Amino acid sequence: MPISRQDFRKNLGTIALVVVLIVIMAGALWYAASAWTVLSGPPMPTVGYVTMGFGVLFSLIIGCGLMALLFYSSRHGYDEPFHSESNRDD
């Protein structure tokens, strides 16, 4: 089944957008890597690495907990609009 001209143009636009975004990301990564290597400071002590690790772990726990609450509320109907019993048409 051949691809129609309209579908081809739609796919071409998507491909162009993805390529531009990848180029922007590559430029940002290159800039970050060059800034990381040029800007050097004193070495981080072990307590700094431990503290950073606890911060990452805490952030992951909070993020996972919030996502679990989001899924729980969605599955149990807490995200549905409120319908009062007195407004029902019986």
PDB file of N, CA and C in Angstrom:
ATOM      1  N   MET A   1       0.840  -1.168   0.000  1.00  0.00           N
ATOM      2  CA  MET A   1       0.000   0.000   0.000  1.00  0.00           C
ATOM      3  C   MET A   1       0.892   1.241   0.000  1.00  0.00           C
ATOM      4  N   PRO A   2       0.815   2.048  -1.045  1.00  0.00           N
ATOM      5  CA  PRO A   2       1.669   3.233  -1.130  1.00  0.00           C
ATOM      6  C   PRO A   2       1.218   4.315  -0.143  1.00  0.00           C
ATOM      7  N   ILE A   3       2.185   5.110   0.283  1.00  0.00           N
ATOM      8  CA  ILE A   3       1.914   6.206   1.216  1.00  0.00           C
ATOM      9  C   ILE A   3       1.415   7.407   0.419  1.00  0.00           C
ATOM     10  N   SER A   4       0.351   8.024   0.891  1.00  0.00           N
ATOM     11  CA  SER A   4      -0.189   9.182   0.191  1.00  0.00           C
ATOM     12  C   SER A   4       0.738  10.381   0.356  1.00  0.00           C
ATOM     13  N   ARG A   5       0.569  11.350  -0.510  1.00  0.00           N
ATOM     14  CA  ARG A   5       1.408  12.550  -0.498  1.00  0.00           C
ATOM     15  C   ARG A   5       1.235  13.332   0.809  1.00  0.00           C
ATOM     16  N   GLN A   6       0.009  13.377   1.329  1.00  0.00           N
ATOM     17  CA  GLN A   6      -0.255  14.102   2.577  1.00  0.00           C
ATOM     18  C   GLN A   6       0.418  13.408   3.756  1.00  0.00           C
ATOM     19  N   ASP A   7       0.341  12.076   3.805  1.00  0.00           N
ATOM     20  CA  ASP A   7       1.008  11.339   4.883  1.00  0.00           C
ATOM     21  C   ASP A   7       2.522  11.514   4.811  1.00  0.00           C
ATOM     22  N   PHE A   8       3.062  11.535   3.591  1.00  0.00           N
ATOM     23  CA  PHE A   8       4.499  11.709   3.425  1.00  0.00           C
ATOM     24  C   PHE A   8       4.934  13.076   3.949  1.00  0.00           C
ATOM     25  N   ARG A   9       4.166  14.127   3.633  1.00  0.00           N
ATOM     26  CA  ARG A   9       4.512  15.465   4.119  1.00  0.00           C
ATOM     27  C   ARG A   9       4.403  15.548   5.640  1.00  0.00           C
ATOM     28  N   LYS A  10       3.386  14.890   6.192  1.00  0.00           N
ATOM     29  CA  LYS A  10       3.229  14.877   7.654  1.00  0.00           C
ATOM     30  C   LYS A  10       4.416  14.174   8.306  1.00  0.00           C
ATOM     31  N   ASN A  11       4.819  13.034   7.754  1.00  0.00           N
ATOM     32  CA  ASN A  11       5.968  12.301   8.295  1.00  0.00           C
ATOM     33  C   ASN A  11       7.257  13.080   8.094  1.00  0.00           C
ATOM     34  N   LEU A  12       7.385  13.783   6.969  1.00  0.00           N
ATOM     35  CA  LEU A  12       8.582  14.557   6.709  1.00  0.00           C
ATOM     36  C   LEU A  12       8.710  15.696   7.718  1.00  0.00           C
ATOM     37  N   GLY A  13       7.592  16.332   8.066  1.00  0.00           N
ATOM     38  CA  GLY A  13       7.622  17.387   9.078  1.00  0.00           C
ATOM     39  C   GLY A  13       8.017  16.846  10.440  1.00  0.00           C
ATOM     40  N   THR A  14       7.514  15.677  10.784  1.00  0.00           N
ATOM     41  CA  THR A  14       7.870  15.056  12.066  1.00  0.00           C
ATOM     42  C   THR A  14       9.348  14.713  12.096  1.00  0.00           C
ATOM     43  N   ILE A  15       9.855  14.163  11.006  1.00  0.00           N
ATOM     44  CA  ILE A  15      11.274  13.807  10.937  1.00  0.00           C
ATOM     45  C   ILE A  15      12.138  15.059  11.047  1.00  0.00           C
ATOM     46  N   ALA A  16      11.747  16.126  10.366  1.00  0.00           N
ATOM     47  CA  ALA A  16      12.513  17.379  10.432  1.00  0.00           C
ATOM     48  C   ALA A  16      12.525  17.922  11.851  1.00  0.00           C
ATOM     49  N   LEU A  17      11.399  17.869  12.532  1.00  0.00           N
ATOM     50  CA  LEU A  17      11.322  18.351  13.913  1.00  0.00           C
ATOM     51  C   LEU A  17      12.220  17.530  14.832  1.00  0.00           C
ATOM     52  N   VAL A  18      12.190  16.225  14.681  1.00  0.00           N
ATOM     53  CA  VAL A  18      13.020  15.356  15.517  1.00  0.00           C
ATOM     54  C   VAL A  18      14.502  15.622  15.258  1.00  0.00           C
ATOM     55  N   VAL A  19      14.871  15.803  13.997  1.00  0.00           N
ATOM     56  CA  VAL A  19      16.278  16.078  13.674  1.00  0.00           C
ATOM     57  C   VAL A  19      16.725  17.401  14.300  1.00  0.00           C
ATOM     58  N   VAL A  20      15.905  18.437  14.205  1.00  0.00           N
ATOM     59  CA  VAL A  20      16.249  19.732  14.807  1.00  0.00           C
ATOM     60  C   VAL A  20      16.385  19.603  16.319  1.00  0.00           C
ATOM     61  N   LEU A  21      15.474  18.882  16.963  1.00  0.00           N
ATOM     62  CA  LEU A  21      15.559  18.716  18.413  1.00  0.00           C
ATOM     63  C   LEU A  21      16.798  17.918  18.820  1.00  0.00           C
ATOM     64  N   ILE A  22      17.180  16.927  18.035  1.00  0.00           N
ATOM     65  CA  ILE A  22      18.387  16.156  18.332  1.00  0.00           C
ATOM     66  C   ILE A  22      19.627  17.030  18.184  1.00  0.00           C
ATOM     67  N   VAL A  23      19.644  17.892  17.169  1.00  0.00           N
ATOM     68  CA  VAL A  23      20.782  18.803  16.992  1.00  0.00           C
ATOM     69  C   VAL A  23      20.876  19.773  18.166  1.00  0.00           C
ATOM     70  N   ILE A  24      19.753  20.300  18.616  1.00  0.00           N
ATOM     71  CA  ILE A  24      19.760  21.208  19.770  1.00  0.00           C
ATOM     72  C   ILE A  24      20.251  20.471  21.019  1.00  0.00           C
ATOM     73  N   MET A  25      19.794  19.229  21.221  1.00  0.00           N
ATOM     74  CA  MET A  25      20.234  18.455  22.381  1.00  0.00           C
ATOM     75  C   MET A  25      21.731  18.160  22.305  1.00  0.00           C
ATOM     76  N   ALA A  26      22.230  17.829  21.113  1.00  0.00           N
ATOM     77  CA  ALA A  26      23.663  17.561  20.960  1.00  0.00           C
ATOM     78  C   ALA A  26      24.474  18.810  21.267  1.00  0.00           C
ATOM     79  N   GLY A  27      24.000  19.969  20.816  1.00  0.00           N
ATOM     80  CA  GLY A  27      24.696  21.214  21.123  1.00  0.00           C
ATOM     81  C   GLY A  27      24.709  21.515  22.615  1.00  0.00           C
ATOM     82  N   ALA A  28      23.590  21.284  23.273  1.00  0.00           N
ATOM     83  CA  ALA A  28      23.515  21.521  24.714  1.00  0.00           C
ATOM     84  C   ALA A  28      24.436  20.560  25.468  1.00  0.00           C
ATOM     85  N   LEU A  29      24.481  19.301  25.047  1.00  0.00           N
ATOM     86  CA  LEU A  29      25.375  18.333  25.697  1.00  0.00           C
ATOM     87  C   LEU A  29      26.840  18.694  25.461  1.00  0.00           C
ATOM     88  N   TRP A  30      27.162  19.133  24.245  1.00  0.00           N
ATOM     89  CA  TRP A  30      28.538  19.543  23.954  1.00  0.00           C
ATOM     90  C   TRP A  30      28.926  20.728  24.827  1.00  0.00           C
ATOM     91  N   TYR A  31      28.039  21.713  24.941  1.00  0.00           N
ATOM     92  CA  TYR A  31      28.325  22.888  25.762  1.00  0.00           C
ATOM     93  C   TYR A  31      28.495  22.491  27.236  1.00  0.00           C
ATOM     94  N   ALA A  32      27.617  21.623  27.735  1.00  0.00           N
ATOM     95  CA  ALA A  32      27.714  21.190  29.128  1.00  0.00           C
ATOM     96  C   ALA A  32      29.010  20.426  29.381  1.00  0.00           C
ATOM     97  N   ALA A  33      29.380  19.555  28.438  1.00  0.00           N
ATOM     98  CA  ALA A  33      30.612  18.778  28.611  1.00  0.00           C
ATOM     99  C   ALA A  33      31.841  19.670  28.563  1.00  0.00           C
ATOM    100  N   SER A  34      31.840  20.653  27.673  1.00  0.00           N
ATOM    101  CA  SER A  34      33.003  21.542  27.602  1.00  0.00           C
ATOM    102  C   SER A  34      33.077  22.434  28.840  1.00  0.00           C
ATOM    103  N   ALA A  35      31.936  22.894  29.340  1.00  0.00           N
ATOM    104  CA  ALA A  35      31.936  23.703  30.557  1.00  0.00           C
ATOM    105  C   ALA A  35      32.384  22.867  31.755  1.00  0.00           C
ATOM    106  N   TRP A  36      32.002  21.590  31.776  1.00  0.00           N
ATOM    107  CA  TRP A  36      32.374  20.707  32.879  1.00  0.00           C
ATOM    108  C   TRP A  36      33.886  20.514  32.929  1.00  0.00           C
ATOM    109  N   THR A  37      34.504  20.362  31.757  1.00  0.00           N
ATOM    110  CA  THR A  37      35.954  20.110  31.742  1.00  0.00           C
ATOM    111  C   THR A  37      36.763  21.380  31.936  1.00  0.00           C
ATOM    112  N   VAL A  38      36.265  22.530  31.492  1.00  0.00           N
ATOM    113  CA  VAL A  38      37.003  23.783  31.618  1.00  0.00           C
ATOM    114  C   VAL A  38      36.933  24.317  33.048  1.00  0.00           C
ATOM    115  N   LEU A  39      35.763  24.288  33.631  1.00  0.00           N
ATOM    116  CA  LEU A  39      35.582  24.816  34.981  1.00  0.00           C
ATOM    117  C   LEU A  39      35.924  23.739  35.996  1.00  0.00           C
ATOM    118  N   SER A  40      37.067  23.872  36.602  1.00  0.00           N
ATOM    119  CA  SER A  40      37.441  22.898  37.623  1.00  0.00           C
ATOM    120  C   SER A  40      37.583  23.618  38.955  1.00  0.00           C
ATOM    121  N   GLY A  41      37.278  22.921  39.975  1.00  0.00           N
ATOM    122  CA  GLY A  41      37.364  23.484  41.315  1.00  0.00           C
ATOM    123  C   GLY A  41      37.993  22.460  42.238  1.00  0.00           C
ATOM    124  N   PRO A  42      37.894  22.707  43.517  1.00  0.00           N
ATOM    125  CA  PRO A  42      38.456  21.736  44.460  1.00  0.00           C
ATOM    126  C   PRO A  42      37.669  20.425  44.394  1.00  0.00           C
ATOM    127  N   PRO A  43      38.321  19.312  44.675  1.00  0.00           N
ATOM    128  CA  PRO A  43      37.614  18.022  44.633  1.00  0.00           C
ATOM    129  C   PRO A  43      36.529  17.946  45.708  1.00  0.00           C
ATOM    130  N   MET A  44      35.445  17.263  45.368  1.00  0.00           N
ATOM    131  CA  MET A  44      34.339  17.131  46.322  1.00  0.00           C
ATOM    132  C   MET A  44      34.708  16.085  47.371  1.00  0.00           C
ATOM    133  N   PRO A  45      34.498  16.402  48.640  1.00  0.00           N
ATOM    134  CA  PRO A  45      34.791  15.410  49.674  1.00  0.00           C
ATOM    135  C   PRO A  45      33.764  14.266  49.647  1.00  0.00           C
ATOM    136  N   THR A  46      34.085  13.213  50.342  1.00  0.00           N
ATOM    137  CA  THR A  46      33.222  12.032  50.379  1.00  0.00           C
ATOM    138  C   THR A  46      31.846  12.368  50.938  1.00  0.00           C
ATOM    139  N   VAL A  47      31.788  13.233  51.937  1.00  0.00           N
ATOM    140  CA  VAL A  47      30.504  13.599  52.518  1.00  0.00           C
ATOM    141  C   VAL A  47      29.624  14.298  51.474  1.00  0.00           C
ATOM    142  N   GLY A  48      30.226  15.001  50.532  1.00  0.00           N
ATOM    143  CA  GLY A  48      29.458  15.635  49.461  1.00  0.00           C
ATOM    144  C   GLY A  48      28.802  14.606  48.549  1.00  0.00           C
ATOM    145  N   TYR A  49      29.545  13.560  48.206  1.00  0.00           N
ATOM    146  CA  TYR A  49      28.986  12.490  47.381  1.00  0.00           C
ATOM    147  C   TYR A  49      27.876  11.737  48.110  1.00  0.00           C
ATOM    148  N   VAL A  50      28.079  11.492  49.392  1.00  0.00           N
ATOM    149  CA  VAL A  50      27.060  10.795  50.186  1.00  0.00           C
ATOM    150  C   VAL A  50      25.796  11.647  50.275  1.00  0.00           C
ATOM    151  N   THR A  51      25.968  12.934  50.531  1.00  0.00           N
ATOM    152  CA  THR A  51      24.819  13.833  50.621  1.00  0.00           C
ATOM    153  C   THR A  51      24.089  13.920  49.283  1.00  0.00           C
ATOM    154  N   MET A  52      24.832  14.002  48.188  1.00  0.00           N
ATOM    155  CA  MET A  52      24.215  14.045  46.873  1.00  0.00           C
ATOM    156  C   MET A  52      23.457  12.744  46.586  1.00  0.00           C
ATOM    157  N   GLY A  53      24.018  11.626  46.992  1.00  0.00           N
ATOM    158  CA  GLY A  53      23.341  10.346  46.816  1.00  0.00           C
ATOM    159  C   GLY A  53      22.031  10.278  47.593  1.00  0.00           C
ATOM    160  N   PHE A  54      22.058  10.766  48.852  1.00  0.00           N
ATOM    161  CA  PHE A  54      20.818  10.799  49.637  1.00  0.00           C
ATOM    162  C   PHE A  54      19.783  11.739  49.010  1.00  0.00           C
ATOM    163  N   GLY A  55      20.240  12.851  48.445  1.00  0.00           N
ATOM    164  CA  GLY A  55      19.323  13.766  47.770  1.00  0.00           C
ATOM    165  C   GLY A  55      18.669  13.129  46.559  1.00  0.00           C
ATOM    166  N   VAL A  56      19.448  12.405  45.770  1.00  0.00           N
ATOM    167  CA  VAL A  56      18.900  11.700  44.602  1.00  0.00           C
ATOM    168  C   VAL A  56      17.923  10.624  45.060  1.00  0.00           C
ATOM    169  N   LEU A  57      18.290   9.864  46.077  1.00  0.00           N
ATOM    170  CA  LEU A  57      17.404   8.820  46.589  1.00  0.00           C
ATOM    171  C   LEU A  57      16.100   9.411  47.121  1.00  0.00           C
ATOM    172  N   PHE A  58      16.184  10.498  47.865  1.00  0.00           N
ATOM    173  CA  PHE A  58      14.993  11.166  48.401  1.00  0.00           C
ATOM    174  C   PHE A  58      14.102  11.659  47.259  1.00  0.00           C
ATOM    175  N   SER A  59      14.704  12.253  46.232  1.00  0.00           N
ATOM    176  CA  SER A  59      13.926  12.736  45.089  1.00  0.00           C
ATOM    177  C   SER A  59      13.224  11.591  44.364  1.00  0.00           C
ATOM    178  N   LEU A  60      13.905  10.462  44.215  1.00  0.00           N
ATOM    179  CA  LEU A  60      13.281   9.305  43.574  1.00  0.00           C
ATOM    180  C   LEU A  60      12.126   8.753  44.400  1.00  0.00           C
ATOM    181  N   ILE A  61      12.307   8.701  45.718  1.00  0.00           N
ATOM    182  CA  ILE A  61      11.239   8.203  46.587  1.00  0.00           C
ATOM    183  C   ILE A  61      10.019   9.117  46.507  1.00  0.00           C
ATOM    184  N   ILE A  62      10.234  10.430  46.566  1.00  0.00           N
ATOM    185  CA  ILE A  62       9.119  11.379  46.473  1.00  0.00           C
ATOM    186  C   ILE A  62       8.436  11.265  45.113  1.00  0.00           C
ATOM    187  N   GLY A  63       9.211  11.204  44.044  1.00  0.00           N
ATOM    188  CA  GLY A  63       8.640  11.090  42.698  1.00  0.00           C
ATOM    189  C   GLY A  63       7.839   9.817  42.513  1.00  0.00           C
ATOM    190  N   CYS A  64       8.382   8.685  42.968  1.00  0.00           N
ATOM    191  CA  CYS A  64       7.661   7.409  42.852  1.00  0.00           C
ATOM    192  C   CYS A  64       6.405   7.412  43.711  1.00  0.00           C
ATOM    193  N   GLY A  65       6.487   8.004  44.895  1.00  0.00           N
ATOM    194  CA  GLY A  65       5.311   8.083  45.763  1.00  0.00           C
ATOM    195  C   GLY A  65       4.205   8.923  45.150  1.00  0.00           C
ATOM    196  N   LEU A  66       4.573  10.051  44.562  1.00  0.00           N
ATOM    197  CA  LEU A  66       3.561  10.897  43.916  1.00  0.00           C
ATOM    198  C   LEU A  66       2.947  10.208  42.703  1.00  0.00           C
ATOM    199  N   MET A  67       3.743   9.497  41.932  1.00  0.00           N
ATOM    200  CA  MET A  67       3.194   8.763  40.784  1.00  0.00           C
ATOM    201  C   MET A  67       2.271   7.644  41.258  1.00  0.00           C
ATOM    202  N   ALA A  68       2.625   6.972  42.365  1.00  0.00           N
ATOM    203  CA  ALA A  68       1.756   5.932  42.907  1.00  0.00           C
ATOM    204  C   ALA A  68       0.424   6.525  43.360  1.00  0.00           C
ATOM    205  N   LEU A  69       0.465   7.685  44.001  1.00  0.00           N
ATOM    206  CA  LEU A  69      -0.780   8.347  44.399  1.00  0.00           C
ATOM    207  C   LEU A  69      -1.613   8.751  43.186  1.00  0.00           C
ATOM    208  N   LEU A  70      -0.957   9.185  42.134  1.00  0.00           N
ATOM    209  CA  LEU A  70      -1.661   9.559  40.907  1.00  0.00           C
ATOM    210  C   LEU A  70      -2.388   8.358  40.323  1.00  0.00           C
ATOM    211  N   PHE A  71      -1.707   7.221  40.214  1.00  0.00           N
ATOM    212  CA  PHE A  71      -2.336   6.022  39.676  1.00  0.00           C
ATOM    213  C   PHE A  71      -3.439   5.504  40.598  1.00  0.00           C
ATOM    214  N   TYR A  72      -3.210   5.572  41.904  1.00  0.00           N
ATOM    215  CA  TYR A  72      -4.215   5.112  42.858  1.00  0.00           C
ATOM    216  C   TYR A  72      -5.495   5.936  42.739  1.00  0.00           C
ATOM    217  N   SER A  73      -5.338   7.259  42.689  1.00  0.00           N
ATOM    218  CA  SER A  73      -6.528   8.105  42.614  1.00  0.00           C
ATOM    219  C   SER A  73      -7.252   7.930  41.294  1.00  0.00           C
ATOM    220  N   SER A  74      -6.520   7.670  40.233  1.00  0.00           N
ATOM    221  CA  SER A  74      -7.151   7.465  38.929  1.00  0.00           C
ATOM    222  C   SER A  74      -7.915   6.145  38.900  1.00  0.00           C
ATOM    223  N   ARG A  75      -7.352   5.104  39.474  1.00  0.00           N
ATOM    224  CA  ARG A  75      -7.990   3.780  39.456  1.00  0.00           C
ATOM    225  C   ARG A  75      -9.205   3.685  40.372  1.00  0.00           C
ATOM    226  N   HIS A  76      -9.219   4.469  41.441  1.00  0.00           N
ATOM    227  CA  HIS A  76     -10.305   4.379  42.411  1.00  0.00           C
ATOM    228  C   HIS A  76     -11.357   5.475  42.248  1.00  0.00           C
ATOM    229  N   GLY A  77     -11.311   6.199  41.143  1.00  0.00           N
ATOM    230  CA  GLY A  77     -12.363   7.146  40.831  1.00  0.00           C
ATOM    231  C   GLY A  77     -12.280   8.488  41.517  1.00  0.00           C
ATOM    232  N   TYR A  78     -11.158   8.809  42.138  1.00  0.00           N
ATOM    233  CA  TYR A  78     -11.037  10.100  42.807  1.00  0.00           C
ATOM    234  C   TYR A  78     -10.884  11.251  41.809  1.00  0.00           C
ATOM    235  N   ASP A  79     -10.572  10.946  40.553  1.00  0.00           N
ATOM    236  CA  ASP A  79     -10.398  11.974  39.542  1.00  0.00           C
ATOM    237  C   ASP A  79     -11.684  12.273  38.780  1.00  0.00           C
ATOM    238  N   GLU A  80     -12.750  11.555  39.085  1.00  0.00           N
ATOM    239  CA  GLU A  80     -14.028  11.763  38.401  1.00  0.00           C
ATOM    240  C   GLU A  80     -14.711  13.016  38.939  1.00  0.00           C
ATOM    241  N   PRO A  81     -15.529  13.679  38.108  1.00  0.00           N
ATOM    242  CA  PRO A  81     -16.262  14.845  38.608  1.00  0.00           C
ATOM    243  C   PRO A  81     -17.268  14.453  39.685  1.00  0.00           C
ATOM    244  N   PHE A  82     -17.550  15.366  40.581  1.00  0.00           N
ATOM    245  CA  PHE A  82     -18.458  15.107  41.689  1.00  0.00           C
ATOM    246  C   PHE A  82     -19.899  15.125  41.195  1.00  0.00           C
ATOM    247  N   HIS A  83     -20.683  14.124  41.598  1.00  0.00           N
ATOM    248  CA  HIS A  83     -22.114  14.063  41.294  1.00  0.00           C
ATOM    249  C   HIS A  83     -22.862  13.928  42.607  1.00  0.00           C
ATOM    250  N   SER A  84     -23.611  14.932  42.941  1.00  0.00           N
ATOM    251  CA  SER A  84     -24.354  14.929  44.190  1.00  0.00           C
ATOM    252  C   SER A  84     -25.544  13.986  44.087  1.00  0.00           C
ATOM    253  N   GLU A  85     -25.871  13.339  45.195  1.00  0.00           N
ATOM    254  CA  GLU A  85     -27.027  12.440  45.240  1.00  0.00           C
ATOM    255  C   GLU A  85     -28.336  13.208  45.072  1.00  0.00           C
ATOM    256  N   SER A  86     -28.392  14.475  45.495  1.00  0.00           N
ATOM    257  CA  SER A  86     -29.633  15.241  45.436  1.00  0.00           C
ATOM    258  C   SER A  86     -29.904  15.737  44.007  1.00  0.00           C
ATOM    259  N   ASN A  87     -28.904  15.748  43.143  1.00  0.00           N
ATOM    260  CA  ASN A  87     -29.088  16.214  41.775  1.00  0.00           C
ATOM    261  C   ASN A  87     -29.432  15.104  40.795  1.00  0.00           C
ATOM    262  N   ARG A  88     -29.541  13.886  41.265  1.00  0.00           N
ATOM    263  CA  ARG A  88     -29.837  12.754  40.380  1.00  0.00           C
ATOM    264  C   ARG A  88     -31.284  12.784  39.951  1.00  0.00           C
ATOM    265  N   ASP A  89     -31.527  12.440  38.706  1.00  0.00           N
ATOM    266  CA  ASP A  89     -32.900  12.339  38.184  1.00  0.00           C
ATOM    267  C   ASP A  89     -33.346  10.892  38.315  1.00  0.00           C
ATOM    268  N   ASP A  90     -34.296  10.625  39.221  1.00  0.00           N
ATOM    269  CA  ASP A  90     -34.794   9.270  39.421  1.00  0.00           C
ATOM    270  C   ASP A  90     -36.165   9.099  38.844  1.00  0.00           C
TER     271      ASP A  90
END
